[in-house]
Protein backbone atom coordinates (compact mmCIF):
# COMPACT_ATOMS: atom_id res chain seq x y z
CA MET A 1 0.29 -0.32 -0.02
CA LEU A 2 0.95 3.28 -0.94
CA ALA A 3 0.65 6.30 1.67
CA VAL A 4 0.37 9.70 1.02
CA PHE A 5 0.50 12.21 3.42
CA LEU A 6 -0.80 15.64 2.66
CA THR A 7 0.91 18.22 4.92
CA THR A 8 0.18 21.64 4.87
CA GLY A 9 3.62 22.15 2.97
CA LEU A 10 2.69 19.77 0.27
CA ILE A 11 -0.87 21.02 -0.52
CA GLY A 12 -0.88 23.56 -3.58
CA SER A 13 2.69 22.87 -4.37
CA ALA A 14 2.41 22.04 -8.69
CA VAL A 15 6.27 21.63 -8.40
CA THR A 16 8.32 19.23 -6.68
CA SER A 17 11.47 17.46 -6.86
CA GLY A 18 10.79 14.71 -10.01
CA ASP A 19 7.57 16.45 -11.39
CA ILE A 20 9.12 19.55 -13.01
CA GLY A 21 7.64 20.46 -16.25
CA VAL A 22 5.00 16.95 -15.93
CA THR A 23 1.12 18.46 -17.16
CA THR A 24 -0.96 15.73 -16.89
CA PRO A 25 -4.04 15.84 -19.61
CA ALA A 26 -7.33 15.71 -18.80
CA SER A 27 -7.96 12.09 -20.70
CA ARG A 28 -5.79 10.59 -17.60
CA THR A 29 -7.78 12.40 -14.67
CA VAL A 30 -9.96 10.16 -12.80
CA THR A 31 -12.50 12.15 -10.86
CA LEU A 32 -13.74 9.93 -7.70
CA THR A 33 -17.42 11.23 -6.56
CA PRO A 34 -19.63 10.39 -3.83
CA THR A 35 -21.76 8.43 -5.88
CA GLY A 36 -19.45 5.60 -5.20
CA SER A 37 -19.26 4.64 -9.12
CA ILE A 38 -16.02 3.21 -10.62
CA PRO A 39 -15.06 5.87 -12.57
CA SER A 40 -12.16 5.33 -15.42
CA ALA A 41 -9.55 7.53 -16.88
CA GLN A 42 -10.64 8.08 -20.61
CA GLN A 43 -6.87 7.31 -22.21
CA TYR A 44 -5.42 3.46 -22.05
CA LEU A 45 -2.46 2.17 -20.76
CA ASP A 46 -0.48 0.24 -22.89
CA PRO A 47 1.48 -2.63 -20.59
CA SER A 48 4.80 -1.02 -21.88
CA ASP A 49 3.81 2.72 -21.08
CA VAL A 50 4.76 4.31 -17.94
CA LEU A 51 2.19 6.87 -17.69
CA ASP A 52 1.04 9.69 -15.33
CA PHE A 53 -2.52 9.99 -13.95
CA VAL A 54 -4.29 12.18 -11.92
CA LEU A 55 -6.74 10.97 -9.17
CA ASP A 56 -9.40 13.81 -8.61
CA MET A 57 -10.96 13.49 -5.07
CA SER A 58 -12.01 17.35 -4.33
CA SER A 59 -15.25 16.42 -4.80
CA LEU A 60 -15.45 14.30 -1.68
CA LEU A 61 -14.42 17.26 0.25
CA ALA A 62 -17.05 19.56 2.24
CA SER A 63 -16.08 23.53 2.34
CA GLY A 64 -12.89 24.11 4.15
CA GLU A 65 -11.77 20.48 4.14
CA GLN A 66 -8.52 19.06 3.43
CA PHE A 67 -7.14 15.55 3.06
CA SER A 68 -4.75 14.83 5.89
CA GLN A 69 -3.82 10.94 4.39
CA VAL A 70 -4.54 9.00 1.38
CA ASP A 71 -3.74 5.59 0.82
CA LEU A 72 -3.75 3.93 -2.58
CA ARG A 73 -3.76 -0.09 -3.11
CA VAL A 74 -3.66 -1.77 -6.45
CA THR A 75 -6.23 -4.55 -6.20
CA ALA A 76 -5.28 -8.07 -5.73
CA THR A 77 -6.71 -8.77 -9.20
CA SER A 78 -4.87 -6.21 -10.83
CA ALA A 79 -2.08 -6.66 -8.82
CA LEU A 80 -1.83 -10.39 -9.95
CA GLN A 81 -1.79 -9.11 -13.49
CA GLY A 82 0.92 -7.18 -13.06
CA PHE A 83 -0.46 -3.62 -12.68
CA GLU A 84 1.33 -1.50 -10.49
CA VAL A 85 1.33 2.26 -9.15
CA MET A 86 4.92 3.14 -9.01
CA GLU A 87 6.58 4.58 -5.37
CA ASP A 88 10.26 5.41 -6.28
CA ALA A 89 11.24 8.53 -6.98
CA PRO A 90 11.10 10.35 -9.38
CA TYR A 91 7.64 8.58 -9.91
CA GLN A 92 6.44 8.59 -6.35
CA ALA A 93 2.81 9.68 -5.77
CA VAL A 94 2.39 13.82 -5.75
CA PRO A 95 -0.16 16.14 -4.34
CA LEU A 96 -1.22 18.90 -6.88
CA ASP A 97 -3.47 20.69 -4.81
CA ASN A 98 -6.03 20.04 -2.21
CA GLY A 99 -7.91 16.73 -3.46
CA ARG A 100 -6.02 15.87 -6.65
CA ILE A 101 -2.95 13.97 -6.71
CA ARG A 102 -0.74 12.78 -9.79
CA ILE A 103 0.32 9.02 -9.59
CA TRP A 104 2.57 7.20 -11.97
CA VAL A 105 1.54 3.42 -13.07
CA THR A 106 2.69 0.97 -15.22
CA VAL A 107 2.46 -3.35 -15.81
CA ALA A 108 5.57 -5.01 -14.43
CA ILE A 109 8.17 -5.74 -17.22
CA GLU A 110 7.59 -9.52 -16.52
CA LYS A 111 3.97 -9.13 -17.37
CA ARG A 112 4.14 -7.09 -20.05
CA ASP A 113 3.91 -9.29 -23.29
CA ALA A 114 0.85 -11.53 -21.53
CA GLN A 115 -1.94 -12.58 -23.77
CA GLN A 116 -4.45 -10.88 -21.31
CA TRP A 117 -3.56 -7.76 -22.93
CA THR A 118 -4.45 -8.56 -26.17
CA LYS A 119 -7.87 -7.25 -25.14
CA SER A 120 -8.04 -4.45 -22.71
CA ALA A 121 -8.84 -5.06 -18.87
CA SER A 122 -9.66 -2.75 -16.25
CA CYS A 123 -7.13 -2.52 -13.29
CA GLN A 124 -8.43 -1.02 -10.18
CA ILE A 125 -6.59 1.33 -7.54
CA GLU A 126 -8.45 1.25 -4.42
CA VAL A 127 -8.06 4.75 -2.77
CA THR A 128 -9.03 5.50 1.08
CA ALA A 129 -8.59 9.46 1.81
CA VAL A 130 -9.19 10.66 5.03
CA THR A 131 -10.46 14.24 5.96
CA ASN A 132 -8.67 16.87 8.51
CA SER A 133 -12.33 17.27 9.88
CA GLU A 134 -13.16 16.59 13.77
CA PRO A 135 -14.23 13.92 13.62
CA ALA A 136 -12.30 13.31 10.16
CA ARG A 137 -14.50 11.53 7.54
CA THR A 138 -12.91 8.42 5.44
CA TRP A 139 -13.96 8.07 2.10
CA GLN A 140 -13.21 4.77 0.17
CA ARG A 141 -13.51 4.69 -3.49
CA THR A 142 -11.75 2.83 -6.51
CA ALA A 143 -10.40 4.18 -9.63
CA GLN A 144 -10.17 2.49 -12.79
CA ILE A 145 -7.61 2.73 -15.72
CA ALA A 146 -8.06 0.40 -18.91
CA VAL A 147 -4.81 -1.32 -19.76
CA GLY A 148 -4.45 -3.11 -23.18
CA GLN A 149 -2.07 -3.00 -26.62
CA ARG A 150 -2.24 -0.21 -28.52
């Protein structure tokens, strides 16, 4: 599980070490909502790609709230397929502003040629976000990214 701690110093910071000059297109933004449906990015990931996506959780926040912690976990099925959220610099998760986090995803090298990618598969990331409200709210939502040979 990847934990992203959103401290006051990081929220609102759009550029950090390892994140200079990266602009994620809207087609790679997954918007998580209170409705509980599983949203998906518009753009597919080829199994050999290493790409940035944005998880937008801002609609989960009440006025004046911020997230104090966000935990990301690739679901078991997606992990078995080789799908992963990268954790090491310069590909670690980066808070962009309150409620939006840039992540980098790929498929493990040994799984990139698997037959499963000839058809697209939806890979999922479970997001657990805790607010700074008293008492704290905890949201758990799932985001998905389609992976397939392009």
